[in-house]
N, C-alpha and C. Protein backbone atom coordinates (compact mmCIF):
# COMPACT_ATOMS: atom_id res chain seq x y z
N UNK A 1 1.74 -43.89 69.02
CA UNK A 1 1.10 -42.89 68.71
C UNK A 1 0.24 -42.20 69.62
N UNK A 2 -0.09 -41.08 69.31
CA UNK A 2 -0.68 -40.02 70.28
C UNK A 2 -1.95 -40.02 69.45
N UNK A 3 -3.47 -39.61 69.84
CA UNK A 3 -4.25 -39.34 69.40
C UNK A 3 -4.77 -38.07 69.96
N UNK A 4 -5.04 -36.92 69.70
CA UNK A 4 -5.53 -36.00 70.44
C UNK A 4 -7.16 -36.13 70.50
N UNK A 5 -8.11 -37.34 69.71
CA UNK A 5 -9.35 -36.44 69.49
C UNK A 5 -9.58 -38.08 69.71
N UNK A 6 -11.44 -38.37 69.92
CA UNK A 6 -12.12 -39.60 70.57
C UNK A 6 -12.71 -39.70 68.72
N UNK A 7 -12.93 -38.70 67.96
CA UNK A 7 -13.35 -38.49 66.74
C UNK A 7 -12.92 -38.15 65.41
N UNK A 8 -13.18 -39.10 64.64
CA UNK A 8 -12.42 -38.53 63.27
C UNK A 8 -13.54 -38.44 62.27
N UNK A 9 -12.80 -38.07 61.42
CA UNK A 9 -13.68 -37.74 59.91
C UNK A 9 -12.89 -37.92 58.72
N UNK A 10 -14.31 -38.58 57.77
CA UNK A 10 -12.99 -39.16 56.56
C UNK A 10 -13.49 -38.26 55.58
N UNK A 11 -12.06 -38.00 55.14
CA UNK A 11 -12.98 -36.59 53.51
C UNK A 11 -11.83 -37.66 52.44
N UNK A 12 -13.62 -36.85 51.73
CA UNK A 12 -13.02 -38.32 50.31
C UNK A 12 -12.75 -37.04 49.05
N UNK A 13 -11.96 -38.14 48.72
CA UNK A 13 -11.27 -37.18 47.22
C UNK A 13 -11.32 -37.37 46.73
N UNK A 14 -11.05 -36.41 45.80
CA UNK A 14 -11.69 -36.28 44.09
C UNK A 14 -11.32 -37.70 43.40
N UNK A 15 -11.69 -38.40 42.79
CA UNK A 15 -11.01 -39.81 41.75
C UNK A 15 -10.27 -38.86 41.51
N UNK A 16 -9.05 -39.75 41.48
CA UNK A 16 -8.09 -39.24 41.09
C UNK A 16 -7.22 -40.81 40.76
N UNK A 17 -5.75 -39.87 40.00
CA UNK A 17 -5.03 -41.74 39.97
C UNK A 17 -4.00 -41.49 41.00
N UNK A 18 -3.69 -43.01 41.49
CA UNK A 18 -2.78 -43.20 42.87
C UNK A 18 -1.83 -41.64 43.20
N UNK A 19 -0.67 -41.81 42.55
CA UNK A 19 0.54 -40.98 42.19
C UNK A 19 -0.69 -39.30 42.55
N UNK A 20 -1.85 -38.84 41.80
CA UNK A 20 -2.32 -37.72 42.81
C UNK A 20 -2.68 -37.34 43.48
N UNK A 21 -3.11 -38.70 44.09
CA UNK A 21 -3.89 -38.77 45.52
C UNK A 21 -2.68 -38.48 46.62
N UNK A 22 -1.43 -39.24 46.36
CA UNK A 22 -0.47 -39.24 47.45
C UNK A 22 -0.10 -37.80 47.17
N UNK A 23 0.24 -36.85 45.91
CA UNK A 23 0.76 -35.42 46.14
C UNK A 23 -0.46 -35.05 46.68
N UNK A 24 -2.00 -35.35 46.63
CA UNK A 24 -2.77 -34.19 47.64
C UNK A 24 -1.92 -34.07 49.43
N UNK A 25 -1.97 -35.98 49.14
CA UNK A 25 -2.14 -36.24 51.12
C UNK A 25 -0.21 -35.50 51.29
N UNK A 26 0.87 -35.49 50.57
CA UNK A 26 1.75 -34.93 50.80
C UNK A 26 1.37 -33.29 51.10
N UNK A 27 0.98 -32.79 50.24
CA UNK A 27 0.64 -31.37 50.48
C UNK A 27 0.28 -31.03 51.35
N UNK A 28 -1.08 -31.61 51.99
CA UNK A 28 -1.71 -31.25 53.51
C UNK A 28 -0.93 -31.74 54.71
N UNK A 29 0.17 -32.96 54.31
CA UNK A 29 0.88 -32.78 55.52
C UNK A 29 1.96 -31.47 55.83
N UNK A 30 2.22 -30.91 54.17
CA UNK A 30 2.93 -29.99 54.83
C UNK A 30 2.16 -28.51 55.51
N UNK A 31 1.48 -28.08 54.40
CA UNK A 31 0.55 -27.56 55.30
C UNK A 31 0.36 -27.38 56.68
N UNK A 32 0.11 -28.31 57.35
CA UNK A 32 -0.07 -28.86 58.33
C UNK A 32 0.82 -28.25 59.23
N UNK A 33 2.00 -29.23 58.96
CA UNK A 33 3.17 -29.40 59.57
C UNK A 33 3.45 -27.64 59.53
N UNK A 34 3.25 -26.69 58.82
CA UNK A 34 4.21 -25.52 58.62
C UNK A 34 3.26 -24.80 59.68
N UNK A 35 1.98 -25.16 60.07
CA UNK A 35 0.87 -24.44 60.84
C UNK A 35 1.10 -24.77 62.17
N UNK A 36 1.43 -25.99 62.38
CA UNK A 36 1.64 -26.70 63.86
C UNK A 36 2.95 -26.25 64.29
N UNK A 37 3.87 -26.65 63.30
CA UNK A 37 5.44 -26.42 63.72
C UNK A 37 6.28 -27.92 63.55
N UNK A 38 4.71 -28.67 63.87
CA UNK A 38 5.17 -30.04 64.19
C UNK A 38 4.87 -31.06 62.92
N UNK A 39 5.77 -32.32 62.54
CA UNK A 39 6.06 -33.39 61.61
C UNK A 39 4.74 -33.62 61.51
N UNK A 40 3.82 -33.95 60.29
CA UNK A 40 2.75 -34.69 60.43
C UNK A 40 2.71 -35.80 59.53
N UNK A 41 1.77 -36.71 59.70
CA UNK A 41 1.95 -37.99 58.92
C UNK A 41 0.11 -38.15 58.92
N UNK A 42 -0.17 -38.03 57.54
CA UNK A 42 -1.74 -38.42 57.47
C UNK A 42 -1.45 -40.10 56.82
N UNK A 43 -2.74 -40.97 57.62
CA UNK A 43 -2.92 -42.30 57.01
C UNK A 43 -4.09 -42.11 56.31
N UNK A 44 -3.38 -42.98 54.70
CA UNK A 44 -4.78 -42.59 53.78
C UNK A 44 -5.59 -44.67 54.11
N UNK A 45 -6.71 -44.38 53.76
CA UNK A 45 -7.06 -46.08 53.29
C UNK A 45 -7.86 -46.12 52.39
N UNK A 46 -8.58 -47.29 52.33
CA UNK A 46 -9.55 -47.23 51.51
C UNK A 46 -9.89 -48.44 51.38
N UNK A 47 -11.37 -48.38 50.99
CA UNK A 47 -11.97 -49.32 50.78
C UNK A 47 -12.02 -50.82 50.04
N UNK A 48 -12.03 -51.70 50.21
CA UNK A 48 -11.77 -53.16 49.37
C UNK A 48 -13.43 -53.68 49.47
N UNK A 49 -13.03 -54.38 48.32
CA UNK A 49 -14.37 -55.56 47.78
C UNK A 49 -15.57 -55.98 49.82
N UNK A 50 -13.83 -56.49 49.67
CA UNK A 50 -14.40 -57.38 51.32
C UNK A 50 -14.63 -56.86 52.20
N UNK A 51 -14.30 -55.62 52.30
CA UNK A 51 -14.78 -54.05 53.52
C UNK A 51 -13.67 -54.03 54.28
N UNK A 52 -13.51 -54.58 53.79
CA UNK A 52 -11.81 -54.59 55.05
C UNK A 52 -11.06 -52.96 54.50
N UNK A 53 -10.68 -53.06 55.12
CA UNK A 53 -9.19 -51.46 55.27
C UNK A 53 -8.10 -51.82 55.13
N UNK A 54 -7.33 -50.88 53.84
CA UNK A 54 -5.84 -50.63 54.05
C UNK A 54 -5.17 -49.54 54.11
N UNK A 55 -4.33 -49.60 54.82
CA UNK A 55 -3.37 -48.73 53.99
C UNK A 55 -2.39 -48.05 53.06
C-alpha cells in the first residue's frame, strides 16, 4: 500500500442504511478516479462497542 500523507481525516457520513453508505463510497471512488486518472479504493471503518475498528 502506498500512503501519500502522514495524516488523515475521518469523514462522518449521514445516518444511512449500509447499502446507501456503500453507494456514497463507490460514488466518491469514481469521482476521485476521474480526477486523478488512477483507480482509487476508499476504506471505511466503523467503531464497534468494544472500541475496535473493522472494515
